[in-house]
N, C-alpha and C. Protein backbone atom coordinates (compact mmCIF):
# COMPACT_ATOMS: atom_id res chain seq x y z
N MET A 1 -220.59 57.12 51.07
CA MET A 1 -221.24 56.08 51.86
C MET A 1 -220.89 54.70 51.30
N THR A 2 -220.88 53.71 52.17
CA THR A 2 -220.64 52.33 51.76
C THR A 2 -221.95 51.72 51.25
N ILE A 3 -221.87 50.58 50.60
CA ILE A 3 -223.08 49.88 50.17
C ILE A 3 -223.95 49.57 51.38
N PHE A 4 -223.33 49.15 52.47
CA PHE A 4 -224.07 48.86 53.70
C PHE A 4 -224.88 50.08 54.13
N GLU A 5 -224.25 51.23 54.16
CA GLU A 5 -224.94 52.46 54.56
C GLU A 5 -226.02 52.85 53.54
N ASP A 6 -225.73 52.64 52.27
CA ASP A 6 -226.73 52.93 51.23
C ASP A 6 -227.96 52.05 51.40
N ILE A 7 -227.75 50.78 51.69
CA ILE A 7 -228.88 49.87 51.88
C ILE A 7 -229.70 50.28 53.10
N LYS A 8 -229.03 50.62 54.19
CA LYS A 8 -229.75 51.08 55.38
C LYS A 8 -230.56 52.34 55.11
N ALA A 9 -230.00 53.23 54.28
CA ALA A 9 -230.66 54.51 54.01
C ALA A 9 -231.75 54.40 52.93
N ASP A 10 -231.80 53.29 52.22
CA ASP A 10 -232.79 53.10 51.17
C ASP A 10 -234.20 53.26 51.78
N LYS A 11 -235.03 54.05 51.13
CA LYS A 11 -236.38 54.30 51.65
C LYS A 11 -237.18 53.01 51.81
N ASP A 12 -236.89 52.00 50.96
CA ASP A 12 -237.60 50.73 51.08
C ASP A 12 -237.22 49.96 52.35
N ASN A 13 -236.12 50.36 52.98
CA ASN A 13 -235.65 49.64 54.18
C ASN A 13 -235.82 50.45 55.46
N LEU A 14 -236.42 51.63 55.37
CA LEU A 14 -236.50 52.50 56.54
C LEU A 14 -237.25 51.87 57.71
N THR A 15 -238.26 51.06 57.43
CA THR A 15 -238.99 50.41 58.51
C THR A 15 -238.04 49.57 59.36
N TYR A 16 -237.11 48.89 58.71
CA TYR A 16 -236.14 48.05 59.43
C TYR A 16 -235.09 48.92 60.12
N THR A 17 -234.59 49.92 59.40
CA THR A 17 -233.57 50.81 59.96
C THR A 17 -234.09 51.51 61.20
N GLU A 18 -235.34 51.95 61.15
CA GLU A 18 -235.94 52.65 62.31
C GLU A 18 -236.08 51.73 63.52
N LYS A 19 -236.15 50.42 63.28
CA LYS A 19 -236.22 49.45 64.38
C LYS A 19 -234.84 49.08 64.88
N GLY A 20 -233.80 49.67 64.28
CA GLY A 20 -232.43 49.37 64.69
C GLY A 20 -231.86 48.12 64.06
N LEU A 21 -232.51 47.61 63.02
CA LEU A 21 -232.04 46.39 62.36
C LEU A 21 -231.08 46.74 61.24
N ASN A 22 -230.07 45.93 61.08
CA ASN A 22 -229.09 46.10 60.01
C ASN A 22 -229.33 45.10 58.89
N PRO A 23 -229.02 45.48 57.66
CA PRO A 23 -229.09 44.50 56.58
C PRO A 23 -228.02 43.44 56.80
N VAL A 24 -228.37 42.19 56.51
CA VAL A 24 -227.45 41.09 56.75
C VAL A 24 -226.95 40.56 55.41
N PHE A 25 -225.65 40.70 55.19
CA PHE A 25 -224.97 40.16 54.01
C PHE A 25 -223.48 40.24 54.27
N TYR A 26 -222.71 39.54 53.45
CA TYR A 26 -221.25 39.56 53.59
C TYR A 26 -220.66 39.38 52.20
N THR A 27 -219.90 40.37 51.74
CA THR A 27 -219.40 40.35 50.37
C THR A 27 -217.91 40.72 50.33
N PRO A 28 -217.04 39.82 50.79
CA PRO A 28 -215.61 40.12 50.74
C PRO A 28 -215.11 40.16 49.29
N LYS A 29 -214.21 41.06 49.02
CA LYS A 29 -213.65 41.20 47.67
C LYS A 29 -213.00 39.91 47.21
N SER A 30 -212.47 39.12 48.14
CA SER A 30 -211.76 37.88 47.81
C SER A 30 -212.66 36.70 47.52
N ALA A 31 -213.98 36.83 47.71
CA ALA A 31 -214.90 35.69 47.59
C ALA A 31 -214.82 35.03 46.22
N LYS A 32 -214.75 33.70 46.23
CA LYS A 32 -214.77 32.90 45.01
C LYS A 32 -216.13 32.25 44.81
N ILE A 33 -216.84 32.06 45.93
CA ILE A 33 -218.14 31.39 45.92
C ILE A 33 -219.15 32.31 46.60
N LEU A 34 -220.26 32.52 45.94
CA LEU A 34 -221.34 33.32 46.51
C LEU A 34 -222.53 32.42 46.78
N ILE A 35 -223.04 32.50 48.00
CA ILE A 35 -224.24 31.77 48.38
C ILE A 35 -225.39 32.78 48.37
N ILE A 36 -226.40 32.52 47.55
CA ILE A 36 -227.57 33.40 47.51
C ILE A 36 -228.76 32.61 48.03
N GLY A 37 -229.33 33.09 49.14
CA GLY A 37 -230.46 32.42 49.76
C GLY A 37 -231.73 33.25 49.68
N GLN A 38 -232.68 32.89 50.52
CA GLN A 38 -234.01 33.49 50.51
C GLN A 38 -234.03 34.82 51.26
N ALA A 39 -233.91 34.76 52.56
CA ALA A 39 -233.88 35.94 53.43
C ALA A 39 -233.37 35.47 54.78
N PRO A 40 -232.80 36.37 55.56
CA PRO A 40 -232.32 35.94 56.87
C PRO A 40 -233.47 35.41 57.73
N GLY A 41 -233.18 34.36 58.47
CA GLY A 41 -234.14 33.90 59.47
C GLY A 41 -234.04 34.79 60.70
N LYS A 42 -234.89 34.55 61.65
CA LYS A 42 -234.93 35.38 62.86
C LYS A 42 -233.59 35.36 63.61
N LYS A 43 -233.01 34.16 63.78
CA LYS A 43 -231.73 34.05 64.49
C LYS A 43 -230.62 34.77 63.73
N VAL A 44 -230.61 34.63 62.41
CA VAL A 44 -229.59 35.30 61.59
C VAL A 44 -229.74 36.81 61.72
N GLN A 45 -230.98 37.31 61.69
CA GLN A 45 -231.20 38.75 61.83
C GLN A 45 -230.70 39.23 63.18
N GLU A 46 -230.95 38.46 64.23
CA GLU A 46 -230.54 38.86 65.59
C GLU A 46 -229.02 38.86 65.74
N THR A 47 -228.34 37.86 65.16
CA THR A 47 -226.89 37.75 65.32
C THR A 47 -226.12 38.50 64.23
N GLU A 48 -226.82 38.83 63.13
CA GLU A 48 -226.22 39.49 61.96
C GLU A 48 -225.10 38.66 61.34
N ILE A 49 -225.24 37.34 61.44
CA ILE A 49 -224.28 36.40 60.84
C ILE A 49 -225.07 35.48 59.92
N MET A 50 -224.78 35.56 58.62
CA MET A 50 -225.51 34.75 57.64
C MET A 50 -225.32 33.26 57.92
N TRP A 51 -226.40 32.52 57.73
CA TRP A 51 -226.40 31.07 57.87
C TRP A 51 -225.98 30.61 59.26
N ASN A 52 -226.27 31.41 60.27
CA ASN A 52 -225.93 31.11 61.65
C ASN A 52 -227.13 30.45 62.33
N ASP A 53 -227.53 29.31 61.80
CA ASP A 53 -228.71 28.60 62.30
C ASP A 53 -228.63 27.15 61.84
N ALA A 54 -229.70 26.38 62.10
CA ALA A 54 -229.70 24.96 61.72
C ALA A 54 -229.55 24.79 60.21
N SER A 55 -230.15 25.70 59.43
CA SER A 55 -230.00 25.63 57.97
C SER A 55 -228.53 25.80 57.58
N GLY A 56 -227.84 26.70 58.25
CA GLY A 56 -226.43 26.92 57.97
C GLY A 56 -225.57 25.72 58.33
N ASP A 57 -225.92 25.05 59.42
CA ASP A 57 -225.18 23.85 59.81
C ASP A 57 -225.26 22.80 58.71
N ARG A 58 -226.48 22.59 58.20
CA ARG A 58 -226.65 21.60 57.13
C ARG A 58 -225.97 22.07 55.85
N LEU A 59 -226.09 23.36 55.54
CA LEU A 59 -225.45 23.88 54.33
C LEU A 59 -223.94 23.65 54.37
N ARG A 60 -223.31 23.91 55.51
CA ARG A 60 -221.86 23.69 55.63
C ARG A 60 -221.51 22.20 55.45
N GLU A 61 -222.38 21.31 55.94
CA GLU A 61 -222.17 19.88 55.71
C GLU A 61 -222.21 19.59 54.22
N TRP A 62 -223.21 20.14 53.54
CA TRP A 62 -223.36 19.89 52.11
C TRP A 62 -222.19 20.45 51.31
N LEU A 63 -221.62 21.57 51.78
CA LEU A 63 -220.47 22.17 51.10
C LEU A 63 -219.16 21.51 51.50
N ASP A 64 -219.20 20.74 52.61
CA ASP A 64 -218.02 20.09 53.19
C ASP A 64 -216.98 21.11 53.64
N VAL A 65 -217.47 22.13 54.37
CA VAL A 65 -216.58 23.12 54.97
C VAL A 65 -216.99 23.32 56.43
N ASP A 66 -216.04 23.70 57.26
CA ASP A 66 -216.37 23.99 58.65
C ASP A 66 -216.68 25.48 58.81
N ARG A 67 -217.04 25.87 60.02
CA ARG A 67 -217.42 27.27 60.26
C ARG A 67 -216.27 28.23 59.95
N LYS A 68 -215.06 27.83 60.32
CA LYS A 68 -213.91 28.70 60.08
C LYS A 68 -213.69 28.92 58.58
N GLN A 69 -213.74 27.84 57.79
CA GLN A 69 -213.60 27.98 56.34
C GLN A 69 -214.73 28.81 55.75
N PHE A 70 -215.92 28.61 56.27
CA PHE A 70 -217.12 29.27 55.76
C PHE A 70 -217.10 30.77 56.02
N TYR A 71 -216.72 31.13 57.24
CA TYR A 71 -216.80 32.54 57.64
C TYR A 71 -215.48 33.31 57.56
N ASP A 72 -214.37 32.64 57.78
CA ASP A 72 -213.11 33.36 57.96
C ASP A 72 -212.11 33.25 56.81
N SER A 73 -212.39 32.41 55.82
CA SER A 73 -211.40 32.18 54.76
C SER A 73 -211.41 33.28 53.70
N GLY A 74 -212.50 34.03 53.62
CA GLY A 74 -212.64 35.02 52.55
C GLY A 74 -213.05 34.41 51.23
N ASN A 75 -213.27 33.09 51.21
CA ASN A 75 -213.67 32.40 49.98
C ASN A 75 -215.17 32.48 49.70
N PHE A 76 -215.96 32.80 50.72
CA PHE A 76 -217.41 32.78 50.59
C PHE A 76 -218.01 34.16 50.81
N GLY A 77 -218.98 34.49 49.97
CA GLY A 77 -219.81 35.68 50.16
C GLY A 77 -221.24 35.21 50.35
N PHE A 78 -222.05 36.03 51.01
CA PHE A 78 -223.43 35.65 51.31
C PHE A 78 -224.36 36.83 51.08
N ILE A 79 -225.32 36.64 50.22
CA ILE A 79 -226.40 37.61 50.10
C ILE A 79 -227.71 36.83 50.00
N SER A 80 -228.80 37.51 50.21
CA SER A 80 -230.12 36.88 50.10
C SER A 80 -230.99 37.71 49.19
N MET A 81 -232.13 37.16 48.87
CA MET A 81 -233.08 37.88 48.05
C MET A 81 -233.68 39.06 48.81
N ASP A 82 -233.49 39.09 50.11
CA ASP A 82 -233.86 40.23 50.96
C ASP A 82 -232.81 40.29 52.07
N PHE A 83 -232.57 41.48 52.58
CA PHE A 83 -231.52 41.65 53.61
C PHE A 83 -232.04 41.54 55.03
N TYR A 84 -233.35 41.43 55.18
CA TYR A 84 -233.96 41.46 56.51
C TYR A 84 -234.91 40.28 56.70
N TYR A 85 -235.05 39.86 57.96
CA TYR A 85 -236.01 38.82 58.30
C TYR A 85 -237.41 39.35 57.99
N PRO A 86 -238.16 38.65 57.13
CA PRO A 86 -239.45 39.17 56.68
C PRO A 86 -240.61 38.93 57.64
N GLY A 87 -240.40 38.13 58.67
CA GLY A 87 -241.47 37.82 59.61
C GLY A 87 -242.09 36.46 59.31
N LYS A 88 -242.94 36.03 60.22
CA LYS A 88 -243.58 34.72 60.11
C LYS A 88 -244.81 34.77 59.23
N ALA A 89 -245.02 33.68 58.51
CA ALA A 89 -246.26 33.46 57.76
C ALA A 89 -246.96 32.27 58.41
N LYS A 90 -248.07 31.85 57.86
CA LYS A 90 -248.79 30.70 58.42
C LYS A 90 -247.91 29.45 58.41
N SER A 91 -247.16 29.30 57.32
CA SER A 91 -246.27 28.15 57.18
C SER A 91 -244.87 28.67 56.85
N GLY A 92 -243.99 28.70 57.82
CA GLY A 92 -242.64 29.20 57.59
C GLY A 92 -242.57 30.72 57.64
N ASP A 93 -241.57 31.27 56.98
CA ASP A 93 -241.37 32.72 56.96
C ASP A 93 -242.05 33.34 55.75
N LYS A 94 -242.33 34.62 55.85
CA LYS A 94 -242.88 35.34 54.71
C LYS A 94 -241.84 35.36 53.59
N PRO A 95 -242.29 35.52 52.34
CA PRO A 95 -241.33 35.56 51.24
C PRO A 95 -240.51 36.85 51.25
N PRO A 96 -239.35 36.83 50.59
CA PRO A 96 -238.54 38.05 50.50
C PRO A 96 -239.26 39.08 49.61
N ARG A 97 -238.96 40.34 49.85
CA ARG A 97 -239.53 41.41 49.01
C ARG A 97 -238.94 41.30 47.61
N GLY A 98 -239.76 41.50 46.61
CA GLY A 98 -239.35 41.26 45.24
C GLY A 98 -238.39 42.26 44.63
N SER A 99 -238.33 43.47 45.15
CA SER A 99 -237.54 44.54 44.51
C SER A 99 -236.08 44.58 44.94
N ILE A 100 -235.73 43.89 45.99
CA ILE A 100 -234.41 44.03 46.60
C ILE A 100 -233.29 43.52 45.70
N ALA A 101 -233.45 42.32 45.16
CA ALA A 101 -232.37 41.74 44.34
C ALA A 101 -232.07 42.60 43.12
N LYS A 102 -233.09 43.05 42.45
CA LYS A 102 -232.89 43.86 41.24
C LYS A 102 -232.13 45.15 41.57
N LYS A 103 -232.44 45.73 42.70
CA LYS A 103 -231.84 47.01 43.08
C LYS A 103 -230.42 46.87 43.60
N TRP A 104 -230.14 45.85 44.40
CA TRP A 104 -228.87 45.79 45.13
C TRP A 104 -227.91 44.69 44.71
N HIS A 105 -228.40 43.57 44.21
CA HIS A 105 -227.50 42.46 43.89
C HIS A 105 -226.42 42.82 42.87
N PRO A 106 -226.74 43.54 41.79
CA PRO A 106 -225.66 43.86 40.83
C PRO A 106 -224.49 44.60 41.48
N LYS A 107 -224.77 45.53 42.38
CA LYS A 107 -223.69 46.28 43.07
C LYS A 107 -222.89 45.36 43.98
N LEU A 108 -223.58 44.49 44.70
CA LEU A 108 -222.89 43.59 45.61
C LEU A 108 -222.04 42.57 44.85
N ILE A 109 -222.59 42.02 43.79
CA ILE A 109 -221.83 41.04 43.00
C ILE A 109 -220.62 41.71 42.34
N ALA A 110 -220.80 42.92 41.87
CA ALA A 110 -219.68 43.65 41.25
C ALA A 110 -218.54 43.91 42.25
N SER A 111 -218.87 43.92 43.54
CA SER A 111 -217.84 44.17 44.57
C SER A 111 -217.01 42.92 44.87
N MET A 112 -217.35 41.80 44.22
CA MET A 112 -216.62 40.53 44.42
C MET A 112 -216.08 40.06 43.06
N PRO A 113 -214.98 40.63 42.60
CA PRO A 113 -214.48 40.35 41.24
C PRO A 113 -213.92 38.95 41.03
N ASN A 114 -213.71 38.19 42.11
CA ASN A 114 -213.11 36.86 41.98
C ASN A 114 -214.12 35.72 41.96
N LEU A 115 -215.41 36.04 41.89
CA LEU A 115 -216.44 35.00 41.94
C LEU A 115 -216.30 34.02 40.78
N GLN A 116 -216.41 32.74 41.13
CA GLN A 116 -216.36 31.68 40.12
C GLN A 116 -217.59 30.78 40.17
N LEU A 117 -218.31 30.82 41.30
CA LEU A 117 -219.46 29.94 41.47
C LEU A 117 -220.51 30.65 42.31
N ILE A 118 -221.76 30.53 41.90
CA ILE A 118 -222.88 31.07 42.67
C ILE A 118 -223.81 29.91 43.01
N VAL A 119 -223.95 29.63 44.30
CA VAL A 119 -224.83 28.57 44.78
C VAL A 119 -226.19 29.21 45.07
N LEU A 120 -227.19 28.76 44.34
CA LEU A 120 -228.55 29.30 44.48
C LEU A 120 -229.34 28.39 45.40
N VAL A 121 -229.66 28.90 46.59
CA VAL A 121 -230.30 28.10 47.62
C VAL A 121 -231.80 28.40 47.64
N GLY A 122 -232.58 27.44 47.21
CA GLY A 122 -234.03 27.57 47.26
C GLY A 122 -234.65 28.23 46.03
N SER A 123 -235.96 28.19 46.00
CA SER A 123 -236.70 28.57 44.80
C SER A 123 -236.65 30.06 44.48
N TYR A 124 -236.64 30.94 45.47
CA TYR A 124 -236.64 32.37 45.17
C TYR A 124 -235.39 32.78 44.41
N ALA A 125 -234.24 32.34 44.87
CA ALA A 125 -232.98 32.67 44.20
C ALA A 125 -232.92 32.01 42.83
N GLN A 126 -233.36 30.76 42.75
CA GLN A 126 -233.29 30.03 41.49
C GLN A 126 -234.21 30.65 40.44
N LYS A 127 -235.42 30.97 40.81
CA LYS A 127 -236.35 31.52 39.84
C LYS A 127 -235.89 32.89 39.34
N TYR A 128 -235.28 33.66 40.22
CA TYR A 128 -234.80 34.98 39.83
C TYR A 128 -233.57 34.87 38.91
N TYR A 129 -232.57 34.14 39.35
CA TYR A 129 -231.30 34.10 38.61
C TYR A 129 -231.32 33.20 37.38
N LEU A 130 -232.15 32.18 37.41
CA LEU A 130 -232.21 31.27 36.27
C LEU A 130 -233.38 31.62 35.33
N HIS A 131 -234.09 32.68 35.67
CA HIS A 131 -235.21 33.18 34.85
C HIS A 131 -236.23 32.08 34.59
N LEU A 132 -236.65 31.44 35.68
CA LEU A 132 -237.58 30.33 35.58
C LEU A 132 -239.02 30.80 35.74
N ALA A 133 -239.92 30.04 35.17
CA ALA A 133 -241.35 30.31 35.35
C ALA A 133 -241.74 30.01 36.79
N ARG A 134 -242.77 30.67 37.25
CA ARG A 134 -243.23 30.44 38.63
C ARG A 134 -243.64 28.99 38.84
N THR A 135 -244.07 28.34 37.76
CA THR A 135 -244.55 26.97 37.86
C THR A 135 -243.43 25.92 37.85
N GLU A 136 -242.22 26.35 37.58
CA GLU A 136 -241.08 25.42 37.53
C GLU A 136 -240.90 24.75 38.88
N LYS A 137 -240.77 23.45 38.90
CA LYS A 137 -240.61 22.70 40.15
C LYS A 137 -239.15 22.67 40.57
N ILE A 138 -238.91 22.99 41.84
CA ILE A 138 -237.54 23.05 42.34
C ILE A 138 -236.86 21.69 42.24
N THR A 139 -237.61 20.61 42.39
CA THR A 139 -237.02 19.28 42.26
C THR A 139 -236.40 19.10 40.89
N ASP A 140 -237.10 19.54 39.85
CA ASP A 140 -236.58 19.42 38.49
C ASP A 140 -235.34 20.29 38.28
N VAL A 141 -235.38 21.48 38.85
CA VAL A 141 -234.24 22.42 38.71
C VAL A 141 -233.00 21.80 39.36
N VAL A 142 -233.16 21.30 40.57
CA VAL A 142 -232.03 20.72 41.30
C VAL A 142 -231.53 19.46 40.61
N LYS A 143 -232.45 18.63 40.10
CA LYS A 143 -232.05 17.42 39.37
C LYS A 143 -231.21 17.76 38.15
N ASN A 144 -231.52 18.88 37.54
CA ASN A 144 -230.83 19.30 36.31
C ASN A 144 -229.75 20.34 36.58
N TYR A 145 -229.16 20.29 37.76
CA TYR A 145 -228.17 21.29 38.16
C TYR A 145 -227.03 21.44 37.16
N LYS A 146 -226.65 20.34 36.49
CA LYS A 146 -225.52 20.39 35.56
C LYS A 146 -225.75 21.37 34.42
N SER A 147 -227.01 21.56 34.05
CA SER A 147 -227.30 22.46 32.93
C SER A 147 -227.09 23.93 33.29
N TYR A 148 -226.90 24.24 34.58
CA TYR A 148 -226.69 25.62 35.01
C TYR A 148 -225.22 25.92 35.33
N LEU A 149 -224.42 24.87 35.35
CA LEU A 149 -222.99 25.03 35.58
C LEU A 149 -222.33 25.60 34.33
N PRO A 150 -221.22 26.26 34.41
CA PRO A 150 -220.33 26.37 35.58
C PRO A 150 -220.64 27.55 36.50
N LYS A 151 -221.52 28.45 36.09
CA LYS A 151 -221.75 29.65 36.90
C LYS A 151 -222.63 29.40 38.12
N TYR A 152 -223.75 28.70 37.91
CA TYR A 152 -224.72 28.51 38.99
C TYR A 152 -224.82 27.05 39.40
N PHE A 153 -225.07 26.83 40.70
CA PHE A 153 -225.31 25.50 41.22
C PHE A 153 -226.56 25.58 42.11
N PRO A 154 -227.73 25.18 41.57
CA PRO A 154 -228.96 25.26 42.36
C PRO A 154 -229.10 24.08 43.32
N ILE A 155 -229.49 24.38 44.56
CA ILE A 155 -229.73 23.33 45.55
C ILE A 155 -231.01 23.63 46.31
N ILE A 156 -231.52 22.61 46.94
CA ILE A 156 -232.69 22.76 47.81
C ILE A 156 -232.27 23.56 49.04
N HIS A 157 -233.22 24.23 49.66
CA HIS A 157 -232.89 24.95 50.90
C HIS A 157 -232.58 23.94 52.00
N PRO A 158 -231.53 24.16 52.77
CA PRO A 158 -231.14 23.18 53.80
C PRO A 158 -231.97 23.25 55.09
N SER A 159 -233.06 23.96 55.08
CA SER A 159 -233.91 24.10 56.27
C SER A 159 -234.40 22.74 56.77
N PRO A 160 -234.49 22.58 58.09
CA PRO A 160 -235.10 21.36 58.63
C PRO A 160 -236.53 21.15 58.12
N ARG A 161 -237.19 22.23 57.68
CA ARG A 161 -238.54 22.10 57.11
C ARG A 161 -238.54 21.26 55.83
N ASN A 162 -237.37 21.07 55.23
CA ASN A 162 -237.27 20.28 54.00
C ASN A 162 -236.87 18.83 54.24
N ASN A 163 -236.94 18.38 55.48
CA ASN A 163 -236.58 16.99 55.78
C ASN A 163 -237.44 16.00 54.99
N ASN A 164 -238.74 16.29 54.85
CA ASN A 164 -239.61 15.38 54.09
C ASN A 164 -239.17 15.32 52.63
N TRP A 165 -238.82 16.48 52.05
CA TRP A 165 -238.35 16.50 50.67
C TRP A 165 -237.09 15.65 50.54
N LEU A 166 -236.17 15.81 51.48
CA LEU A 166 -234.92 15.05 51.45
C LEU A 166 -235.18 13.55 51.56
N ASN A 167 -236.16 13.17 52.40
CA ASN A 167 -236.51 11.75 52.55
C ASN A 167 -237.11 11.19 51.26
N ARG A 168 -237.89 12.01 50.56
CA ARG A 168 -238.52 11.57 49.31
C ARG A 168 -237.55 11.60 48.12
N ASN A 169 -236.45 12.32 48.27
CA ASN A 169 -235.50 12.50 47.17
C ASN A 169 -234.08 12.17 47.61
N PRO A 170 -233.82 10.90 47.97
CA PRO A 170 -232.49 10.54 48.48
C PRO A 170 -231.37 10.76 47.46
N TRP A 171 -231.70 10.84 46.18
CA TRP A 171 -230.70 11.10 45.14
C TRP A 171 -229.96 12.41 45.40
N PHE A 172 -230.62 13.36 46.05
CA PHE A 172 -229.98 14.66 46.26
C PHE A 172 -228.71 14.51 47.10
N GLU A 173 -228.82 13.86 48.25
CA GLU A 173 -227.64 13.73 49.12
C GLU A 173 -226.67 12.67 48.60
N LYS A 174 -227.15 11.71 47.82
CA LYS A 174 -226.27 10.67 47.27
C LYS A 174 -225.52 11.14 46.03
N GLU A 175 -226.18 11.93 45.18
CA GLU A 175 -225.59 12.29 43.89
C GLU A 175 -225.20 13.76 43.79
N VAL A 176 -226.09 14.65 44.21
CA VAL A 176 -225.85 16.09 44.01
C VAL A 176 -224.87 16.64 45.04
N VAL A 177 -225.05 16.29 46.29
CA VAL A 177 -224.17 16.84 47.34
C VAL A 177 -222.70 16.51 47.09
N PRO A 178 -222.33 15.27 46.73
CA PRO A 178 -220.92 15.01 46.44
C PRO A 178 -220.38 15.86 45.28
N ARG A 179 -221.22 16.11 44.26
CA ARG A 179 -220.80 16.97 43.14
C ARG A 179 -220.61 18.40 43.61
N LEU A 180 -221.51 18.85 44.48
CA LEU A 180 -221.40 20.20 45.05
C LEU A 180 -220.10 20.31 45.85
N GLN A 181 -219.83 19.33 46.69
CA GLN A 181 -218.61 19.35 47.50
C GLN A 181 -217.37 19.39 46.62
N ALA A 182 -217.35 18.61 45.56
CA ALA A 182 -216.20 18.60 44.66
C ALA A 182 -216.04 19.95 43.97
N LYS A 183 -217.14 20.54 43.54
CA LYS A 183 -217.10 21.84 42.86
C LYS A 183 -216.60 22.92 43.82
N VAL A 184 -217.07 22.91 45.05
CA VAL A 184 -216.64 23.89 46.04
C VAL A 184 -215.15 23.71 46.33
N SER A 185 -214.72 22.47 46.54
CA SER A 185 -213.31 22.20 46.82
C SER A 185 -212.41 22.67 45.67
N ASP A 186 -212.80 22.34 44.44
CA ASP A 186 -212.01 22.75 43.27
C ASP A 186 -211.96 24.28 43.14
N THR A 187 -213.08 24.93 43.40
CA THR A 187 -213.14 26.38 43.28
C THR A 187 -212.25 27.06 44.32
N ILE A 188 -212.27 26.55 45.54
CA ILE A 188 -211.44 27.11 46.60
C ILE A 188 -209.96 26.96 46.28
N LYS A 189 -209.59 25.82 45.68
CA LYS A 189 -208.18 25.53 45.39
C LYS A 189 -207.64 26.36 44.22
N GLU A 190 -208.53 26.79 43.33
CA GLU A 190 -208.07 27.56 42.15
C GLU A 190 -207.46 28.87 42.57
N LYS A 191 -206.40 29.26 41.90
CA LYS A 191 -205.73 30.53 42.20
C LYS A 191 -206.40 31.66 41.46
């Protein structure tokens, strides 16, 4: 069985599999950059294409790549802290299930031997991969992105729900985004 089939057959995912839903991720062997996010949104779950929503549009702007480069170049892989849309909460979506990354991420990452950069999108991915305390503020993590390089590059989630954060923190798009773009460009160009 493939990893995809193993994930579908996992007893923890049977509720989704029985509804006819597929796990959403993309892990080409050629990937140099891995984007790790929170969980698929409703539109992403329906289309089964990672970052196929308004958040993805902004993320591609921040990375300075178009849809073709993002999806068809083989340079990018995409996984989330959960493979399925978790449903709505009072404010935004429900959080990803906690056990998924520990169980499946090592296998998925091992399937991409050319990885040079992991972009951690949002607090769930950052707290897990950077081993941060629950109380750690995402603003501080993103401000201190240089301390996590060269392996990890933490960024705020590109969701339109974060427009207020972006307005309060203009340094992110002025200082961090250009550095992210340069890092992505350099990584893609490396042989």
